[in-house]
């Protein structure tokens, strides 16, 4: 009994460590200090392969970050937490994040891929990202987090990338230039 409890405690500790290092670059400044919470119907852990798999209505939260998916796989190649890779699969897999500027970013795709070492995020399969009223849609969207560089790709001429940009003045509801002011 004690051995089984120790194994379960070890699994929980390893899974928490895997995910705790996986999400910080996407978060609010304080989010990386928050605990990672994972809720799923099933989970499995391959200790030798350093892979944790969560299935069944998976919800991952850390501070303001929320990822929902049918399946989430967390891999640490060679056991190196700095090289953690998170893959989320769903119909669609979704994410939500509050940025430091107070503006939420949300998106979805068939697959979300995040490489901690490279601060690289990739959304594939009906990829969509939205911030306030601006959004971008494509088959694949890549984002280098630290460099704040994004690229969107289509599957050819028949399926093009679509972008909707709303000027910041239209989003400012507190007396912006887009809001007519009365003059006396």
Protein backbone atom coordinates (compact mmCIF):
# COMPACT_ATOMS: atom_id res chain seq x y z
CA UNK A 1 0.00 0.00 0.00
CA UNK A 2 2.77 2.42 0.99
CA UNK A 3 4.72 1.59 -2.20
CA UNK A 4 1.65 2.26 -4.37
CA UNK A 5 1.08 5.59 -2.61
CA UNK A 6 4.74 6.57 -3.14
CA UNK A 7 4.49 5.72 -6.87
CA UNK A 8 1.31 7.80 -7.22
CA UNK A 9 2.94 10.70 -5.38
CA UNK A 10 5.99 10.44 -7.65
CA UNK A 11 3.76 10.43 -10.75
CA UNK A 12 1.87 13.49 -9.57
CA UNK A 13 5.13 15.30 -8.78
CA UNK A 14 6.62 14.49 -12.19
CA UNK A 15 3.49 15.48 -14.09
CA UNK A 16 3.31 18.77 -12.20
CA UNK A 17 6.99 19.45 -12.91
CA UNK A 18 6.51 18.65 -16.60
CA UNK A 19 3.68 21.12 -16.96
CA UNK A 20 4.98 23.79 -14.61
CA UNK A 21 7.81 24.49 -17.02
CA UNK A 22 5.62 24.35 -20.11
CA UNK A 23 3.45 27.44 -20.08
CA UNK A 24 5.34 30.43 -18.59
CA UNK A 25 6.27 32.23 -21.82
CA UNK A 26 2.62 32.57 -22.83
CA UNK A 27 1.40 34.02 -19.54
CA UNK A 28 0.93 37.25 -17.71
CA UNK A 29 4.09 38.23 -15.86
CA UNK A 30 2.80 36.66 -12.63
CA UNK A 31 1.23 33.58 -14.28
CA UNK A 32 4.50 31.63 -14.37
CA UNK A 33 4.57 31.68 -10.55
CA UNK A 34 1.11 30.11 -10.34
CA UNK A 35 0.54 26.37 -10.03
CA UNK A 36 -0.40 24.35 -13.12
CA UNK A 37 -3.71 22.53 -12.74
CA UNK A 38 -4.71 19.69 -15.05
CA UNK A 39 -8.15 18.13 -15.05
CA UNK A 40 -8.87 15.16 -17.32
CA UNK A 41 -10.86 11.95 -17.47
CA UNK A 42 -7.69 9.84 -17.85
CA UNK A 43 -3.96 10.31 -17.52
CA UNK A 44 -0.93 8.14 -18.09
CA UNK A 45 2.76 8.63 -17.46
CA UNK A 46 5.79 7.04 -19.11
CA UNK A 47 8.58 7.69 -16.60
CA UNK A 48 11.35 6.34 -18.84
CA UNK A 49 10.16 8.29 -21.89
CA UNK A 50 9.37 11.44 -19.88
CA UNK A 51 5.91 11.67 -21.43
CA UNK A 52 2.64 12.52 -19.67
CA UNK A 53 -0.62 12.02 -21.59
CA UNK A 54 -3.99 13.41 -20.52
CA UNK A 55 -7.22 12.45 -22.32
CA UNK A 56 -10.91 13.18 -22.05
CA UNK A 57 -12.08 16.78 -21.75
CA UNK A 58 -8.64 18.03 -20.67
CA UNK A 59 -8.47 21.44 -18.99
CA UNK A 60 -5.05 22.95 -18.25
CA UNK A 61 -4.87 26.20 -16.27
CA UNK A 62 -2.03 28.32 -14.95
CA UNK A 63 -2.94 31.78 -13.75
CA UNK A 64 -4.86 33.43 -16.61
CA UNK A 65 -4.00 30.71 -19.14
CA UNK A 66 -6.63 28.13 -19.97
CA UNK A 67 -6.19 25.36 -22.54
CA UNK A 68 -8.96 22.91 -23.35
CA UNK A 69 -8.44 19.84 -25.51
CA UNK A 70 -9.47 16.26 -26.09
CA UNK A 71 -5.86 15.17 -25.50
CA UNK A 72 -2.70 16.83 -24.15
CA UNK A 73 0.75 15.25 -24.40
CA UNK A 74 3.67 16.74 -22.45
CA UNK A 75 7.17 15.54 -23.42
CA UNK A 76 10.55 16.31 -21.87
CA UNK A 77 13.21 15.02 -24.30
CA UNK A 78 16.06 13.53 -22.29
CA UNK A 79 14.32 14.63 -19.08
CA UNK A 80 15.38 18.24 -19.71
CA UNK A 81 12.62 20.56 -18.46
CA UNK A 82 13.98 23.40 -20.63
CA UNK A 83 13.14 21.35 -23.74
CA UNK A 84 9.54 20.61 -22.72
CA UNK A 85 7.07 20.23 -25.59
CA UNK A 86 3.31 20.47 -25.12
CA UNK A 87 0.91 19.20 -27.80
CA UNK A 88 -2.85 19.69 -27.42
CA UNK A 89 -5.34 18.04 -29.79
CA UNK A 90 -9.03 18.75 -30.11
CA UNK A 91 -12.05 19.51 -32.21
CA UNK A 92 -10.87 22.17 -31.63
CA UNK A 93 -8.21 22.61 -28.96
CA UNK A 94 -8.65 26.09 -27.47
CA UNK A 95 -6.57 28.55 -25.48
CA UNK A 96 -7.20 31.77 -23.61
CA UNK A 97 -4.64 34.14 -22.10
CA UNK A 98 -4.80 37.55 -20.47
CA UNK A 99 -1.84 39.68 -21.52
CA UNK A 100 0.00 42.20 -19.36
CA UNK A 101 -1.79 45.02 -21.22
CA UNK A 102 -5.15 43.66 -19.99
CA UNK A 103 -6.23 42.47 -23.43
CA UNK A 104 -7.30 38.83 -23.75
CA UNK A 105 -5.97 36.64 -26.54
CA UNK A 106 -7.83 33.52 -27.51
CA UNK A 107 -7.60 31.00 -30.26
CA UNK A 108 -8.26 27.51 -31.45
CA UNK A 109 -6.96 24.89 -33.87
CA UNK A 110 -7.00 21.14 -34.37
CA UNK A 111 -3.53 21.05 -32.81
CA UNK A 112 -1.63 23.45 -30.54
CA UNK A 113 2.14 22.85 -30.31
CA UNK A 114 4.44 24.67 -27.87
CA UNK A 115 8.23 24.31 -27.60
CA UNK A 116 9.53 25.83 -24.37
CA UNK A 117 13.19 25.98 -25.44
CA UNK A 118 12.39 28.00 -28.55
CA UNK A 119 9.42 29.98 -27.16
CA UNK A 120 7.65 28.73 -30.27
CA UNK A 121 3.89 28.20 -30.62
CA UNK A 122 2.25 26.59 -33.65
CA UNK A 123 -1.46 26.21 -34.35
CA UNK A 124 -2.42 23.85 -37.19
CA UNK A 125 -5.72 22.83 -38.76
CA UNK A 126 -8.27 25.65 -39.00
CA UNK A 127 -6.05 27.89 -36.88
CA UNK A 128 -7.60 31.04 -35.45
CA UNK A 129 -6.28 33.75 -33.09
CA UNK A 130 -8.29 36.72 -31.81
CA UNK A 131 -7.46 39.76 -29.70
CA UNK A 132 -10.48 41.96 -29.05
CA UNK A 133 -12.08 42.44 -32.49
CA UNK A 134 -8.95 41.69 -34.57
CA UNK A 135 -8.32 38.14 -35.74
CA UNK A 136 -6.39 35.96 -38.13
CA UNK A 137 -7.41 32.64 -39.69
CA UNK A 138 -5.31 30.18 -41.65
CA UNK A 139 -4.38 26.54 -41.93
CA UNK A 140 -1.26 27.13 -39.84
CA UNK A 141 -0.15 30.00 -37.59
CA UNK A 142 3.29 30.17 -35.96
CA UNK A 143 4.35 32.57 -33.22
CA UNK A 144 7.79 33.27 -31.74
CA UNK A 145 6.78 34.49 -28.28
CA UNK A 146 9.85 36.53 -27.19
CA UNK A 147 10.32 38.09 -30.61
CA UNK A 148 6.56 38.67 -31.01
CA UNK A 149 6.71 37.49 -34.63
CA UNK A 150 3.77 35.72 -36.17
CA UNK A 151 3.28 34.06 -39.55
CA UNK A 152 0.11 32.58 -41.02
CA UNK A 153 -0.02 30.06 -43.86
CA UNK A 154 -2.71 28.74 -46.17
CA UNK A 155 -3.06 25.47 -48.05
CA UNK A 156 -2.83 27.17 -51.42
CA UNK A 157 -4.91 29.52 -53.52
CA UNK A 158 -8.27 27.97 -52.64
CA UNK A 159 -7.79 28.36 -48.88
CA UNK A 160 -6.27 31.72 -48.12
CA UNK A 161 -5.18 33.43 -44.88
CA UNK A 162 -7.78 35.90 -43.64
CA UNK A 163 -6.99 38.81 -41.32
CA UNK A 164 -9.35 41.33 -39.75
CA UNK A 165 -7.64 44.32 -38.13
CA UNK A 166 -9.61 46.87 -36.16
CA UNK A 167 -7.84 50.18 -35.53
CA UNK A 168 -7.08 50.72 -31.86
CA UNK A 169 -9.15 53.93 -31.93
CA UNK A 170 -12.28 51.89 -32.64
CA UNK A 171 -11.56 49.64 -29.66
CA UNK A 172 -11.07 52.51 -27.21
CA UNK A 173 -14.49 53.21 -25.75
CA UNK A 174 -13.34 56.18 -23.62
CA UNK A 175 -13.44 59.19 -25.93
CA UNK A 176 -11.31 57.93 -28.78
CA UNK A 177 -10.94 59.80 -32.10
CA UNK A 178 -13.44 57.33 -33.58
CA UNK A 179 -16.06 58.56 -31.09
CA UNK A 180 -17.42 61.95 -32.14
CA UNK A 181 -17.06 64.63 -29.45
CA UNK A 182 -19.51 67.45 -29.02
CA UNK A 183 -18.08 70.91 -29.48
CA UNK A 184 -19.57 74.13 -28.17
